[in-house]
Amino acid sequence: MTTERPDRPFILVTNDDGIEADGIWYLAEALLEVGDVMICAPAFQQSGTGTSFTLHRDLHSERVQSRVEAIDAYQVDGTPGDAVTVGLRQYAKPRRVHMIVSGLNPGANLGRDAIHSGTVGGAMQGHHRGLPSLAVSLASMEFDHMRAAAAVGARIAGRLWDSGNTAFLNVNIPNRPLSELNDLQVTRMAQASVQSLIEEVDESGRITRRLVHRDDFRVQEGTDAWAVRNGIISVTPIHTDLTAHHILDSTLALFSEGFTLPSA
């Protein structure tokens, strides 16, 4: 028996910056033009947690005061992956969630760095369940145009839903007003990191290290980092099959002749 596809999806929104971050509320409110919206997000900052889950302690969750009347909101003291799982299994019922949207993240999730992103990790939980899923980021650490980015993210989510496609999209939006966001490209992931580790010496002589975003690296045209650098909205379809299919045969040959396992 198949379930009829609704005109308006029920959308679960999460993030990795925590329930108090402005970006999740701007994005959730913009998504009301696409469907019904529920927020289930980490209770505190979870940037860089990727796809991790909480395994060695109990999770606690609760309803929180919503900033938007039409949206129910909940927080979980765990990762974005925890929040999506709890949202789907506990707070969404008896309704069925049709789409996962993660964001709006302040800061880009480009190239290889997207692997570590909690924003991408949250959306990935929808992808694992066969749901159309988006990770939406404002590609700047300056937040002048977060509402514009939220509106663009919602428009992309609406197009994805209307298409019937169950793709997993990583969206990065330049920090520009809507009037200047007039170009979108479907891109591939840059094979580079846009972060750099810097060392500083504090007043006591102790060396401290931190990751910073940089914009001085070379990237190829057609990649997500290239698009954002040129003021273009980047939409990158991604997936979770990490198998190196192009070297399966050579790896098989590596172990097919003359290789023996140690004796017991």
Protein backbone atom coordinates (compact mmCIF):
# COMPACT_ATOMS: atom_id res chain seq x y z
CA MET A 1 0.00 0.00 0.00
CA THR A 2 1.46 3.37 -1.03
CA THR A 3 0.92 6.62 0.82
CA GLU A 4 -0.41 9.51 -1.22
CA ARG A 5 2.13 12.27 -1.65
CA PRO A 6 0.82 15.49 -0.07
CA ASP A 7 0.94 18.88 -1.77
CA ARG A 8 2.47 20.39 1.36
CA PRO A 9 5.22 18.33 2.98
CA PHE A 10 5.82 18.09 6.72
CA ILE A 11 9.38 19.40 7.13
CA LEU A 12 11.69 18.72 10.07
CA VAL A 13 14.27 21.49 10.48
CA THR A 14 17.47 21.08 12.47
CA ASN A 15 20.90 22.73 12.69
CA ASP A 16 24.27 22.43 14.39
CA ASP A 17 24.39 25.89 16.00
CA GLY A 18 21.69 25.19 18.57
CA ILE A 19 18.05 26.06 19.06
CA GLU A 20 18.85 29.69 19.97
CA ALA A 21 20.64 30.47 16.70
CA ASP A 22 18.82 33.00 14.52
CA GLY A 23 19.52 31.08 11.31
CA ILE A 24 17.30 28.11 12.13
CA TRP A 25 14.36 30.39 12.86
CA TYR A 26 14.79 32.43 9.68
CA LEU A 27 14.97 29.25 7.62
CA ALA A 28 12.06 27.53 9.36
CA GLU A 29 9.85 30.58 8.92
CA ALA A 30 10.74 30.83 5.21
CA LEU A 31 9.94 27.12 4.77
CA LEU A 32 6.32 27.75 5.80
CA GLU A 33 5.79 28.77 2.18
CA VAL A 34 6.69 25.21 1.21
CA GLY A 35 5.04 23.08 3.89
CA ASP A 36 4.28 22.55 7.57
CA VAL A 37 7.36 22.92 9.73
CA MET A 38 8.66 21.48 13.00
CA ILE A 39 12.02 22.28 14.58
CA CYS A 40 14.06 19.72 16.51
CA ALA A 41 17.57 20.99 17.12
CA PRO A 42 20.50 20.64 19.50
CA ALA A 43 20.18 22.52 22.77
CA PHE A 44 23.68 23.95 22.35
CA GLN A 45 26.44 24.54 19.81
CA GLN A 46 27.37 21.38 17.86
CA SER A 47 29.42 22.69 14.93
CA GLY A 48 31.94 20.19 13.57
CA THR A 49 30.15 17.12 14.92
CA GLY A 50 29.48 15.74 11.45
CA THR A 51 27.31 12.63 11.52
CA SER A 52 28.04 11.70 15.14
CA PHE A 53 25.53 10.36 17.65
CA THR A 54 25.51 10.35 21.44
CA LEU A 55 26.19 6.79 22.63
CA HIS A 56 27.45 6.78 26.23
CA ARG A 57 24.86 8.83 28.09
CA ASP A 58 21.13 9.40 28.08
CA LEU A 59 19.64 12.09 25.88
CA HIS A 60 17.26 14.65 27.27
CA SER A 61 14.81 16.58 25.16
CA GLU A 62 11.98 19.03 25.71
CA ARG A 63 9.59 21.38 24.03
CA VAL A 64 10.76 25.01 23.86
CA GLN A 65 9.05 28.33 23.37
CA SER A 66 8.70 28.90 19.64
CA ARG A 67 9.56 32.22 18.03
CA VAL A 68 7.06 31.49 15.24
CA GLU A 69 3.44 30.76 16.08
CA ALA A 70 2.91 28.13 13.38
CA ILE A 71 6.01 26.10 14.30
CA ASP A 72 6.43 23.60 17.15
CA ALA A 73 9.98 23.52 18.47
CA TYR A 74 12.00 21.03 20.54
CA GLN A 75 15.57 20.80 21.76
CA VAL A 76 17.80 17.77 22.37
CA ASP A 77 21.02 17.86 24.39
CA GLY A 78 22.94 16.08 21.66
CA THR A 79 24.15 16.30 18.09
CA PRO A 80 22.19 17.19 14.94
CA GLY A 81 21.93 13.47 14.20
CA ASP A 82 20.45 12.93 17.66
CA ALA A 83 18.00 15.77 17.13
CA VAL A 84 16.73 14.42 13.81
CA THR A 85 16.35 10.91 15.21
CA VAL A 86 14.45 12.11 18.29
CA GLY A 87 12.34 14.43 16.16
CA LEU A 88 11.35 11.65 13.78
CA ARG A 89 10.74 8.97 16.43
CA GLN A 90 9.16 11.05 19.18
CA TYR A 91 7.93 14.53 18.35
CA ALA A 92 6.72 14.16 14.76
CA LYS A 93 4.33 11.31 15.54
CA PRO A 94 1.67 10.55 14.52
CA ARG A 95 2.57 12.61 11.45
CA ARG A 96 5.06 11.46 8.86
CA VAL A 97 8.02 13.70 8.04
CA HIS A 98 8.53 14.15 4.30
CA MET A 99 11.69 16.29 4.17
CA ILE A 100 14.70 17.20 6.33
CA VAL A 101 16.26 20.67 6.08
CA SER A 102 19.34 21.57 8.13
CA GLY A 103 20.51 25.15 8.66
CA LEU A 104 20.69 28.00 8.16
CA ASN A 105 24.36 27.71 9.02
CA PRO A 106 26.39 30.90 9.44
CA GLY A 107 29.53 29.97 7.51
CA ALA A 108 30.19 27.95 4.39
CA ASN A 109 30.24 24.16 4.17
CA LEU A 110 32.36 23.70 1.08
CA GLY A 111 34.71 21.13 -0.36
CA ARG A 112 36.11 18.44 1.88
CA ASP A 113 35.14 20.41 4.99
CA ALA A 114 31.51 19.45 4.38
CA ILE A 115 32.38 15.96 5.67
CA HIS A 116 32.85 17.38 9.17
CA SER A 117 29.83 19.67 9.13
CA GLY A 118 27.08 19.12 11.67
CA THR A 119 24.75 20.96 9.28
CA VAL A 120 25.46 18.39 6.56
CA GLY A 121 25.38 15.59 9.14
CA GLY A 122 21.88 16.56 10.25
CA ALA A 123 20.53 16.54 6.71
CA MET A 124 22.26 13.23 6.06
CA GLN A 125 19.87 11.53 8.49
CA GLY A 126 17.05 12.31 6.08
CA HIS A 127 19.07 11.00 3.15
CA HIS A 128 19.65 7.71 5.00
CA ARG A 129 15.88 7.37 5.29
CA GLY A 130 15.19 8.07 1.62
CA LEU A 131 13.84 11.58 2.24
CA PRO A 132 14.65 14.66 0.18
CA SER A 133 17.18 16.51 2.32
CA LEU A 134 19.01 19.83 2.26
CA ALA A 135 21.90 21.35 4.16
CA VAL A 136 21.70 25.12 3.79
CA SER A 137 24.59 27.47 4.64
CA LEU A 138 25.29 31.18 4.34
CA ALA A 139 28.76 31.15 2.84
CA SER A 140 30.17 33.89 5.06
CA MET A 141 31.00 34.55 8.68
CA GLU A 142 29.33 37.94 8.26
CA PHE A 143 25.58 37.64 8.67
CA ASP A 144 24.24 40.69 6.85
CA HIS A 145 21.84 38.76 4.63
CA MET A 146 20.66 35.73 6.61
CA ARG A 147 17.00 36.30 5.76
CA ALA A 148 17.84 36.48 2.07
CA ALA A 149 19.74 33.20 2.31
CA ALA A 150 16.83 31.62 4.20
CA ALA A 151 14.43 32.68 1.44
CA VAL A 152 16.70 31.15 -1.21
CA GLY A 153 17.06 27.94 0.79
CA ALA A 154 13.29 27.64 1.10
CA ARG A 155 12.83 28.22 -2.64
CA ILE A 156 15.32 25.45 -3.42
CA ALA A 157 13.56 23.13 -0.95
CA GLY A 158 10.25 23.87 -2.65
CA ARG A 159 11.63 23.05 -6.08
CA LEU A 160 13.12 19.80 -4.78
CA TRP A 161 9.82 18.78 -3.21
CA ASP A 162 7.76 19.65 -6.29
CA SER A 163 10.10 17.59 -8.48
CA GLY A 164 9.48 14.39 -6.52
CA ASN A 165 13.26 13.89 -6.35
CA THR A 166 14.73 12.46 -3.13
CA ALA A 167 18.16 14.05 -3.61
CA PHE A 168 20.49 15.16 -0.84
CA LEU A 169 21.65 18.70 -1.65
CA ASN A 170 24.36 20.77 -0.02
CA VAL A 171 23.46 24.43 -0.61
CA ASN A 172 25.86 27.35 -0.06
CA ILE A 173 24.56 30.88 -0.56
CA PRO A 174 26.75 34.00 -0.89
CA ASN A 175 26.23 36.75 1.68
CA ARG A 176 24.37 39.10 -0.62
CA PRO A 177 20.94 40.76 -0.75
CA LEU A 178 18.22 39.00 -2.72
CA SER A 179 18.58 41.53 -5.54
CA GLU A 180 22.13 40.28 -6.13
CA LEU A 181 21.40 36.54 -5.79
CA ASN A 182 20.50 35.97 -9.41
CA ASP A 183 22.68 33.04 -10.42
CA LEU A 184 22.62 29.39 -9.29
CA GLN A 185 24.83 26.54 -10.41
CA VAL A 186 24.76 22.83 -9.74
CA THR A 187 28.34 22.12 -8.68
CA ARG A 188 30.70 19.38 -7.65
CA MET A 189 32.55 19.32 -4.34
CA ALA A 190 35.93 21.03 -4.39
CA GLN A 191 38.73 18.59 -3.60
CA ALA A 192 40.27 20.99 -1.10
CA SER A 193 39.76 22.25 2.41
CA VAL A 194 38.74 25.86 2.91
CA GLN A 195 40.06 25.82 6.46
CA SER A 196 43.54 26.38 7.78
CA LEU A 197 45.09 25.69 11.18
CA ILE A 198 46.82 28.75 12.61
CA GLU A 199 49.02 29.00 15.68
CA GLU A 200 49.18 31.97 18.02
CA VAL A 201 51.16 32.65 21.18
CA ASP A 202 49.19 34.13 24.08
CA GLU A 203 50.51 36.49 26.76
CA SER A 204 51.73 33.60 28.91
CA GLY A 205 53.73 32.12 26.04
CA ARG A 206 51.34 29.23 25.51
CA ILE A 207 50.74 28.18 21.91
CA THR A 208 47.09 28.06 20.89
CA ARG A 209 45.70 26.63 17.68
CA ARG A 210 42.41 27.23 15.89
CA LEU A 211 40.81 26.59 12.52
CA VAL A 212 39.98 29.57 10.34
CA HIS A 213 38.28 29.87 6.97
CA ARG A 214 40.49 31.09 4.16
CA ASP A 215 39.85 32.31 0.64
CA ASP A 216 43.33 32.18 -0.87
CA PHE A 217 43.25 28.61 -2.17
CA ARG A 218 42.97 27.63 -5.83
CA VAL A 219 39.78 25.86 -6.88
CA GLN A 220 38.52 24.64 -10.21
CA GLU A 221 35.64 26.21 -12.05
CA GLY A 222 32.45 24.24 -11.54
CA THR A 223 33.12 23.45 -7.89
CA ASP A 224 31.14 24.65 -4.90
CA ALA A 225 33.97 26.83 -3.60
CA TRP A 226 34.49 28.43 -7.01
CA ALA A 227 30.79 29.27 -7.32
CA VAL A 228 30.55 30.93 -3.93
CA ARG A 229 33.76 32.88 -4.50
CA ASN A 230 32.15 34.29 -7.62
CA GLY A 231 28.87 35.24 -5.94
CA ILE A 232 26.95 32.25 -7.28
CA ILE A 233 24.57 30.05 -5.27
CA SER A 234 26.04 26.54 -5.14
CA VAL A 235 23.87 23.42 -5.11
CA THR A 236 25.87 20.21 -4.79
CA PRO A 237 24.16 16.80 -4.89
CA ILE A 238 25.98 14.47 -2.51
CA HIS A 239 25.61 10.91 -1.25
CA THR A 240 27.06 8.60 1.35
CA ASP A 241 28.53 5.79 -0.75
CA LEU A 242 32.23 6.10 0.15
CA THR A 243 33.27 3.08 -1.91
CA ALA A 244 36.11 3.87 -4.34
CA HIS A 245 34.42 2.10 -7.27
CA HIS A 246 37.17 3.08 -9.73
CA ILE A 247 39.77 0.97 -7.89
CA LEU A 248 37.68 -2.05 -6.93
CA ASP A 249 39.26 -4.20 -9.66
CA SER A 250 42.83 -3.17 -8.83
CA THR A 251 42.19 -3.79 -5.14
CA LEU A 252 40.85 -7.23 -5.97
CA ALA A 253 43.99 -7.96 -7.97
CA LEU A 254 46.12 -6.82 -5.04
CA PHE A 255 44.82 -9.68 -2.90
CA SER A 256 44.07 -12.33 -5.52
CA GLU A 257 47.54 -13.83 -5.98
CA GLY A 258 50.26 -14.67 -3.51
CA PHE A 259 48.58 -13.15 -0.47
CA THR A 260 48.20 -15.40 2.57
CA LEU A 261 46.77 -14.73 5.98
CA PRO A 262 48.84 -15.50 9.08
CA SER A 263 48.45 -18.99 10.56
CA ALA A 264 46.72 -19.45 13.89
